[in-house]
């Protein structure tokens, strides 16, 4: 299930994240405090999987670095 970001209507700038189903209606109040909130869209949303990190190392001299394999030809020149 995805995480959605909500912002407080009382304390501007205070944000919360809640895990909800795509089919659930947006929350209108904080489940614990009852404070009015609104759903906001933030850049950089990601899937959160504990322990999984993504990193990529590119070897520009590898023929696989380019579709035509010309990187390996440049290394020979």
PDB file of N, CA and C in Angstrom:
ATOM      1  N   UNK A   1       0.843  -1.185   0.000  1.00  0.00           N
ATOM      2  CA  UNK A   1       0.000   0.000   0.000  1.00  0.00           C
ATOM      3  C   UNK A   1       0.884   1.243   0.000  1.00  0.00           C
ATOM      4  N   UNK A   2       0.475   2.251  -0.738  1.00  0.00           N
ATOM      5  CA  UNK A   2       1.276   3.482  -0.821  1.00  0.00           C
ATOM      6  C   UNK A   2       1.108   4.367   0.418  1.00  0.00           C
ATOM      7  N   UNK A   3       2.093   5.246   0.587  1.00  0.00           N
ATOM      8  CA  UNK A   3       2.045   6.261   1.640  1.00  0.00           C
ATOM      9  C   UNK A   3       1.557   7.560   1.019  1.00  0.00           C
ATOM     10  N   UNK A   4       0.696   8.272   1.736  1.00  0.00           N
ATOM     11  CA  UNK A   4       0.201   9.566   1.283  1.00  0.00           C
ATOM     12  C   UNK A   4       0.577  10.624   2.307  1.00  0.00           C
ATOM     13  N   UNK A   5       0.871  11.819   1.820  1.00  0.00           N
ATOM     14  CA  UNK A   5       1.284  12.921   2.687  1.00  0.00           C
ATOM     15  C   UNK A   5       0.105  13.859   2.909  1.00  0.00           C
ATOM     16  N   UNK A   6      -0.080  14.227   4.165  1.00  0.00           N
ATOM     17  CA  UNK A   6      -1.138  15.152   4.554  1.00  0.00           C
ATOM     18  C   UNK A   6      -0.509  16.312   5.300  1.00  0.00           C
ATOM     19  N   UNK A   7      -1.167  17.466   5.235  1.00  0.00           N
ATOM     20  CA  UNK A   7      -0.687  18.660   5.928  1.00  0.00           C
ATOM     21  C   UNK A   7      -1.779  19.169   6.854  1.00  0.00           C
ATOM     22  N   UNK A   8      -1.363  19.631   8.023  1.00  0.00           N
ATOM     23  CA  UNK A   8      -2.292  20.175   9.009  1.00  0.00           C
ATOM     24  C   UNK A   8      -2.872  21.492   8.509  1.00  0.00           C
ATOM     25  N   UNK A   9      -4.156  21.696   8.726  1.00  0.00           N
ATOM     26  CA  UNK A   9      -4.790  22.971   8.393  1.00  0.00           C
ATOM     27  C   UNK A   9      -4.673  23.954   9.553  1.00  0.00           C
ATOM     28  N   UNK A  10      -4.385  23.449  10.757  1.00  0.00           N
ATOM     29  CA  UNK A  10      -4.248  24.288  11.942  1.00  0.00           C
ATOM     30  C   UNK A  10      -2.803  24.762  12.093  1.00  0.00           C
ATOM     31  N   UNK A  11      -1.861  23.842  12.022  1.00  0.00           N
ATOM     32  CA  UNK A  11      -0.430  24.144  12.154  1.00  0.00           C
ATOM     33  C   UNK A  11       0.208  24.045  10.773  1.00  0.00           C
ATOM     34  N   UNK A  12       0.234  25.143  10.044  1.00  0.00           N
ATOM     35  CA  UNK A  12       0.740  25.135   8.676  1.00  0.00           C
ATOM     36  C   UNK A  12       2.188  24.648   8.628  1.00  0.00           C
ATOM     37  N   UNK A  13       2.477  23.767   7.697  1.00  0.00           N
ATOM     38  CA  UNK A  13       3.817  23.218   7.547  1.00  0.00           C
ATOM     39  C   UNK A  13       4.007  21.885   8.253  1.00  0.00           C
ATOM     40  N   UNK A  14       3.101  21.531   9.155  1.00  0.00           N
ATOM     41  CA  UNK A  14       3.187  20.252   9.858  1.00  0.00           C
ATOM     42  C   UNK A  14       2.612  19.172   8.950  1.00  0.00           C
ATOM     43  N   UNK A  15       3.446  18.174   8.617  1.00  0.00           N
ATOM     44  CA  UNK A  15       3.032  17.139   7.669  1.00  0.00           C
ATOM     45  C   UNK A  15       3.051  15.763   8.315  1.00  0.00           C
ATOM     46  N   UNK A  16       2.194  14.898   7.783  1.00  0.00           N
ATOM     47  CA  UNK A  16       2.064  13.530   8.261  1.00  0.00           C
ATOM     48  C   UNK A  16       2.041  12.603   7.056  1.00  0.00           C
ATOM     49  N   UNK A  17       2.485  11.365   7.248  1.00  0.00           N
ATOM     50  CA  UNK A  17       2.381  10.350   6.208  1.00  0.00           C
ATOM     51  C   UNK A  17       1.548   9.200   6.746  1.00  0.00           C
ATOM     52  N   UNK A  18       0.605   8.745   5.925  1.00  0.00           N
ATOM     53  CA  UNK A  18      -0.243   7.628   6.305  1.00  0.00           C
ATOM     54  C   UNK A  18      -0.241   6.604   5.186  1.00  0.00           C
ATOM     55  N   UNK A  19      -0.241   5.340   5.572  1.00  0.00           N
ATOM     56  CA  UNK A  19      -0.324   4.266   4.599  1.00  0.00           C
ATOM     57  C   UNK A  19      -1.801   3.969   4.379  1.00  0.00           C
ATOM     58  N   UNK A  20      -2.221   4.053   3.111  1.00  0.00           N
ATOM     59  CA  UNK A  20      -3.623   3.840   2.778  1.00  0.00           C
ATOM     60  C   UNK A  20      -3.734   3.067   1.476  1.00  0.00           C
ATOM     61  N   UNK A  21      -4.864   2.442   1.293  1.00  0.00           N
ATOM     62  CA  UNK A  21      -5.167   1.799   0.021  1.00  0.00           C
ATOM     63  C   UNK A  21      -5.466   2.875  -1.019  1.00  0.00           C
ATOM     64  N   UNK A  22      -5.208   2.567  -2.265  1.00  0.00           N
ATOM     65  CA  UNK A  22      -5.518   3.496  -3.357  1.00  0.00           C
ATOM     66  C   UNK A  22      -7.016   3.789  -3.401  1.00  0.00           C
ATOM     67  N   UNK A  23      -7.813   2.832  -2.952  1.00  0.00           N
ATOM     68  CA  UNK A  23      -9.266   2.963  -3.039  1.00  0.00           C
ATOM     69  C   UNK A  23      -9.880   3.715  -1.861  1.00  0.00           C
ATOM     70  N   UNK A  24      -9.100   3.997  -0.813  1.00  0.00           N
ATOM     71  CA  UNK A  24      -9.614   4.730   0.350  1.00  0.00           C
ATOM     72  C   UNK A  24      -9.815   6.203   0.011  1.00  0.00           C
ATOM     73  N   UNK A  25     -10.836   6.803   0.606  1.00  0.00           N
ATOM     74  CA  UNK A  25     -11.047   8.245   0.457  1.00  0.00           C
ATOM     75  C   UNK A  25      -9.955   8.986   1.233  1.00  0.00           C
ATOM     76  N   UNK A  26      -9.572  10.189   0.763  1.00  0.00           N
ATOM     77  CA  UNK A  26      -8.570  10.976   1.501  1.00  0.00           C
ATOM     78  C   UNK A  26      -9.068  11.305   2.907  1.00  0.00           C
ATOM     79  N   UNK A  27      -8.139  11.326   3.859  1.00  0.00           N
ATOM     80  CA  UNK A  27      -8.493  11.678   5.231  1.00  0.00           C
ATOM     81  C   UNK A  27      -8.805  13.168   5.311  1.00  0.00           C
ATOM     82  N   UNK A  28      -9.706  13.541   6.208  1.00  0.00           N
ATOM     83  CA  UNK A  28     -10.029  14.952   6.430  1.00  0.00           C
ATOM     84  C   UNK A  28      -9.611  15.407   7.825  1.00  0.00           C
ATOM     85  N   UNK A  29      -9.349  14.434   8.726  1.00  0.00           N
ATOM     86  CA  UNK A  29      -8.860  14.770  10.060  1.00  0.00           C
ATOM     87  C   UNK A  29      -7.856  13.710  10.503  1.00  0.00           C
ATOM     88  N   UNK A  30      -6.914  14.118  11.348  1.00  0.00           N
ATOM     89  CA  UNK A  30      -5.875  13.221  11.852  1.00  0.00           C
ATOM     90  C   UNK A  30      -6.543  12.123  12.675  1.00  0.00           C
ATOM     91  N   UNK A  31      -6.212  10.851  12.417  1.00  0.00           N
ATOM     92  CA  UNK A  31      -6.873   9.749  13.120  1.00  0.00           C
ATOM     93  C   UNK A  31      -6.697   9.768  14.639  1.00  0.00           C
ATOM     94  N   UNK A  32      -5.596  10.312  15.143  1.00  0.00           N
ATOM     95  CA  UNK A  32      -5.353  10.311  16.588  1.00  0.00           C
ATOM     96  C   UNK A  32      -5.794  11.598  17.267  1.00  0.00           C
ATOM     97  N   UNK A  33      -5.478  12.754  16.665  1.00  0.00           N
ATOM     98  CA  UNK A  33      -5.761  14.031  17.326  1.00  0.00           C
ATOM     99  C   UNK A  33      -7.089  14.653  16.893  1.00  0.00           C
ATOM    100  N   UNK A  34      -7.620  14.247  15.744  1.00  0.00           N
ATOM    101  CA  UNK A  34      -8.848  14.838  15.239  1.00  0.00           C
ATOM    102  C   UNK A  34      -8.638  16.172  14.548  1.00  0.00           C
ATOM    103  N   UNK A  35      -7.380  16.603  14.448  1.00  0.00           N
ATOM    104  CA  UNK A  35      -7.021  17.874  13.813  1.00  0.00           C
ATOM    105  C   UNK A  35      -7.341  17.819  12.312  1.00  0.00           C
ATOM    106  N   UNK A  36      -7.926  18.888  11.744  1.00  0.00           N
ATOM    107  CA  UNK A  36      -8.228  18.876  10.309  1.00  0.00           C
ATOM    108  C   UNK A  36      -6.946  18.853   9.470  1.00  0.00           C
ATOM    109  N   UNK A  37      -6.930  17.992   8.449  1.00  0.00           N
ATOM    110  CA  UNK A  37      -5.775  17.852   7.564  1.00  0.00           C
ATOM    111  C   UNK A  37      -6.246  17.798   6.118  1.00  0.00           C
ATOM    112  N   UNK A  38      -5.300  18.027   5.195  1.00  0.00           N
ATOM    113  CA  UNK A  38      -5.619  17.902   3.771  1.00  0.00           C
ATOM    114  C   UNK A  38      -4.509  17.105   3.097  1.00  0.00           C
ATOM    115  N   UNK A  39      -4.884  16.366   2.079  1.00  0.00           N
ATOM    116  CA  UNK A  39      -3.927  15.568   1.316  1.00  0.00           C
ATOM    117  C   UNK A  39      -3.162  16.491   0.387  1.00  0.00           C
ATOM    118  N   UNK A  40      -1.836  16.337   0.341  1.00  0.00           N
ATOM    119  CA  UNK A  40      -1.019  17.165  -0.541  1.00  0.00           C
ATOM    120  C   UNK A  40      -0.170  16.268  -1.432  1.00  0.00           C
ATOM    121  N   UNK A  41       0.278  16.829  -2.529  1.00  0.00           N
ATOM    122  CA  UNK A  41       1.149  16.112  -3.450  1.00  0.00           C
ATOM    123  C   UNK A  41       2.557  16.646  -3.261  1.00  0.00           C
ATOM    124  N   UNK A  42       3.495  15.739  -3.024  1.00  0.00           N
ATOM    125  CA  UNK A  42       4.891  16.127  -2.838  1.00  0.00           C
ATOM    126  C   UNK A  42       5.751  15.428  -3.882  1.00  0.00           C
ATOM    127  N   UNK A  43       6.801  16.095  -4.291  1.00  0.00           N
ATOM    128  CA  UNK A  43       7.716  15.516  -5.271  1.00  0.00           C
ATOM    129  C   UNK A  43       8.590  14.467  -4.612  1.00  0.00           C
ATOM    130  N   UNK A  44       9.007  13.516  -5.392  1.00  0.00           N
ATOM    131  CA  UNK A  44       9.959  12.527  -4.901  1.00  0.00           C
ATOM    132  C   UNK A  44       9.346  11.403  -4.098  1.00  0.00           C
ATOM    133  N   UNK A  45       8.092  11.101  -4.325  1.00  0.00           N
ATOM    134  CA  UNK A  45       7.488   9.978  -3.636  1.00  0.00           C
ATOM    135  C   UNK A  45       8.177   8.696  -4.063  1.00  0.00           C
ATOM    136  N   UNK A  46       8.328   7.765  -3.149  1.00  0.00           N
ATOM    137  CA  UNK A  46       9.043   6.533  -3.467  1.00  0.00           C
ATOM    138  C   UNK A  46       8.401   5.356  -2.754  1.00  0.00           C
ATOM    139  N   UNK A  47       8.683   4.193  -3.268  1.00  0.00           N
ATOM    140  CA  UNK A  47       8.250   2.973  -2.605  1.00  0.00           C
ATOM    141  C   UNK A  47       9.245   2.691  -1.492  1.00  0.00           C
ATOM    142  N   UNK A  48       8.738   2.423  -0.324  1.00  0.00           N
ATOM    143  CA  UNK A  48       9.606   2.194   0.827  1.00  0.00           C
ATOM    144  C   UNK A  48       9.676   0.699   1.127  1.00  0.00           C
ATOM    145  N   UNK A  49      10.855   0.142   0.944  1.00  0.00           N
ATOM    146  CA  UNK A  49      11.078  -1.256   1.270  1.00  0.00           C
ATOM    147  C   UNK A  49      12.277  -1.300   2.210  1.00  0.00           C
ATOM    148  N   UNK A  50      12.067  -1.691   3.465  1.00  0.00           N
ATOM    149  CA  UNK A  50      13.171  -1.703   4.423  1.00  0.00           C
ATOM    150  C   UNK A  50      14.322  -2.584   3.932  1.00  0.00           C
ATOM    151  N   UNK A  51      15.531  -2.070   4.051  1.00  0.00           N
ATOM    152  CA  UNK A  51      16.711  -2.838   3.704  1.00  0.00           C
ATOM    153  C   UNK A  51      17.088  -2.835   2.238  1.00  0.00           C
ATOM    154  N   UNK A  52      16.262  -2.256   1.382  1.00  0.00           N
ATOM    155  CA  UNK A  52      16.556  -2.237  -0.050  1.00  0.00           C
ATOM    156  C   UNK A  52      17.085  -0.867  -0.433  1.00  0.00           C
ATOM    157  N   UNK A  53      18.293  -0.838  -0.956  1.00  0.00           N
ATOM    158  CA  UNK A  53      18.885   0.417  -1.411  1.00  0.00           C
ATOM    159  C   UNK A  53      19.265   0.252  -2.862  1.00  0.00           C
ATOM    160  N   UNK A  54      19.134   1.315  -3.616  1.00  0.00           N
ATOM    161  CA  UNK A  54      19.450   1.257  -5.035  1.00  0.00           C
ATOM    162  C   UNK A  54      20.669   2.121  -5.304  1.00  0.00           C
ATOM    163  N   UNK A  55      21.658   1.532  -5.921  1.00  0.00           N
ATOM    164  CA  UNK A  55      22.805   2.308  -6.349  1.00  0.00           C
ATOM    165  C   UNK A  55      23.284   1.731  -7.673  1.00  0.00           C
ATOM    166  N   UNK A  56      23.795   2.587  -8.511  1.00  0.00           N
ATOM    167  CA  UNK A  56      24.256   2.169  -9.821  1.00  0.00           C
ATOM    168  C   UNK A  56      25.651   2.715 -10.056  1.00  0.00           C
ATOM    169  N   UNK A  57      26.532   1.856 -10.498  1.00  0.00           N
ATOM    170  CA  UNK A  57      27.875   2.266 -10.869  1.00  0.00           C
ATOM    171  C   UNK A  57      28.001   2.021 -12.363  1.00  0.00           C
ATOM    172  N   UNK A  58      28.373   3.041 -13.104  1.00  0.00           N
ATOM    173  CA  UNK A  58      28.485   2.926 -14.550  1.00  0.00           C
ATOM    174  C   UNK A  58      29.955   2.918 -14.929  1.00  0.00           C
ATOM    175  N   UNK A  59      30.347   1.887 -15.651  1.00  0.00           N
ATOM    176  CA  UNK A  59      31.700   1.804 -16.178  1.00  0.00           C
ATOM    177  C   UNK A  59      31.627   2.248 -17.630  1.00  0.00           C
ATOM    178  N   UNK A  60      32.039   3.466 -17.910  1.00  0.00           N
ATOM    179  CA  UNK A  60      31.919   4.036 -19.254  1.00  0.00           C
ATOM    180  C   UNK A  60      32.770   3.292 -20.284  1.00  0.00           C
ATOM    181  N   UNK A  61      33.774   2.525 -19.836  1.00  0.00           N
ATOM    182  CA  UNK A  61      34.615   1.786 -20.771  1.00  0.00           C
ATOM    183  C   UNK A  61      34.017   0.432 -21.139  1.00  0.00           C
ATOM    184  N   UNK A  62      32.957   0.051 -20.455  1.00  0.00           N
ATOM    185  CA  UNK A  62      32.323  -1.226 -20.733  1.00  0.00           C
ATOM    186  C   UNK A  62      31.501  -1.138 -22.013  1.00  0.00           C
ATOM    187  N   UNK A  63      31.561  -2.162 -22.902  1.00  0.00           N
ATOM    188  CA  UNK A  63      30.738  -2.151 -24.112  1.00  0.00           C
ATOM    189  C   UNK A  63      29.250  -2.067 -23.792  1.00  0.00           C
ATOM    190  N   UNK A  64      28.859  -2.533 -22.626  1.00  0.00           N
ATOM    191  CA  UNK A  64      27.451  -2.478 -22.248  1.00  0.00           C
ATOM    192  C   UNK A  64      27.004  -1.069 -21.891  1.00  0.00           C
ATOM    193  N   UNK A  65      27.942  -0.135 -21.726  1.00  0.00           N
ATOM    194  CA  UNK A  65      27.593   1.236 -21.354  1.00  0.00           C
ATOM    195  C   UNK A  65      26.895   1.961 -22.488  1.00  0.00           C
ATOM    196  N   UNK A  66      27.129   1.548 -23.718  1.00  0.00           N
ATOM    197  CA  UNK A  66      26.447   2.140 -24.866  1.00  0.00           C
ATOM    198  C   UNK A  66      25.870   1.030 -25.720  1.00  0.00           C
ATOM    199  N   UNK A  67      24.783   1.320 -26.383  1.00  0.00           N
ATOM    200  CA  UNK A  67      24.121   0.309 -27.200  1.00  0.00           C
ATOM    201  C   UNK A  67      24.990  -0.150 -28.363  1.00  0.00           C
ATOM    202  N   UNK A  68      25.785   0.742 -28.932  1.00  0.00           N
ATOM    203  CA  UNK A  68      26.583   0.388 -30.109  1.00  0.00           C
ATOM    204  C   UNK A  68      27.924  -0.219 -29.743  1.00  0.00           C
ATOM    205  N   UNK A  69      28.317  -0.150 -28.476  1.00  0.00           N
ATOM    206  CA  UNK A  69      29.602  -0.690 -28.058  1.00  0.00           C
ATOM    207  C   UNK A  69      30.771   0.216 -28.385  1.00  0.00           C
ATOM    208  N   UNK A  70      30.512   1.450 -28.797  1.00  0.00           N
ATOM    209  CA  UNK A  70      31.583   2.352 -29.202  1.00  0.00           C
ATOM    210  C   UNK A  70      32.445   2.808 -28.028  1.00  0.00           C
ATOM    211  N   UNK A  71      31.973   2.630 -26.800  1.00  0.00           N
ATOM    212  CA  UNK A  71      32.791   2.998 -25.644  1.00  0.00           C
ATOM    213  C   UNK A  71      34.054   2.156 -25.605  1.00  0.00           C
ATOM    214  N   UNK A  72      33.943   0.879 -25.986  1.00  0.00           N
ATOM    215  CA  UNK A  72      35.129   0.025 -25.979  1.00  0.00           C
ATOM    216  C   UNK A  72      36.086   0.418 -27.095  1.00  0.00           C
ATOM    217  N   UNK A  73      35.568   0.905 -28.236  1.00  0.00           N
ATOM    218  CA  UNK A  73      36.424   1.356 -29.332  1.00  0.00           C
ATOM    219  C   UNK A  73      37.198   2.611 -28.937  1.00  0.00           C
ATOM    220  N   UNK A  74      36.573   3.488 -28.180  1.00  0.00           N
ATOM    221  CA  UNK A  74      37.231   4.721 -27.741  1.00  0.00           C
ATOM    222  C   UNK A  74      38.358   4.403 -26.771  1.00  0.00           C
ATOM    223  N   UNK A  75      38.206   3.339 -25.984  1.00  0.00           N
ATOM    224  CA  UNK A  75      39.236   2.960 -25.023  1.00  0.00           C
ATOM    225  C   UNK A  75      40.477   2.426 -25.731  1.00  0.00           C
ATOM    226  N   UNK A  76      40.289   1.859 -26.925  1.00  0.00           N
ATOM    227  CA  UNK A  76      41.419   1.298 -27.673  1.00  0.00           C
ATOM    228  C   UNK A  76      42.204   2.364 -28.419  1.00  0.00           C
ATOM    229  N   UNK A  77      41.580   3.495 -28.688  1.00  0.00           N
ATOM    230  CA  UNK A  77      42.226   4.547 -29.492  1.00  0.00           C
ATOM    231  C   UNK A  77      43.260   5.319 -28.727  1.00  0.00           C
TER     232      UNK A  77
END
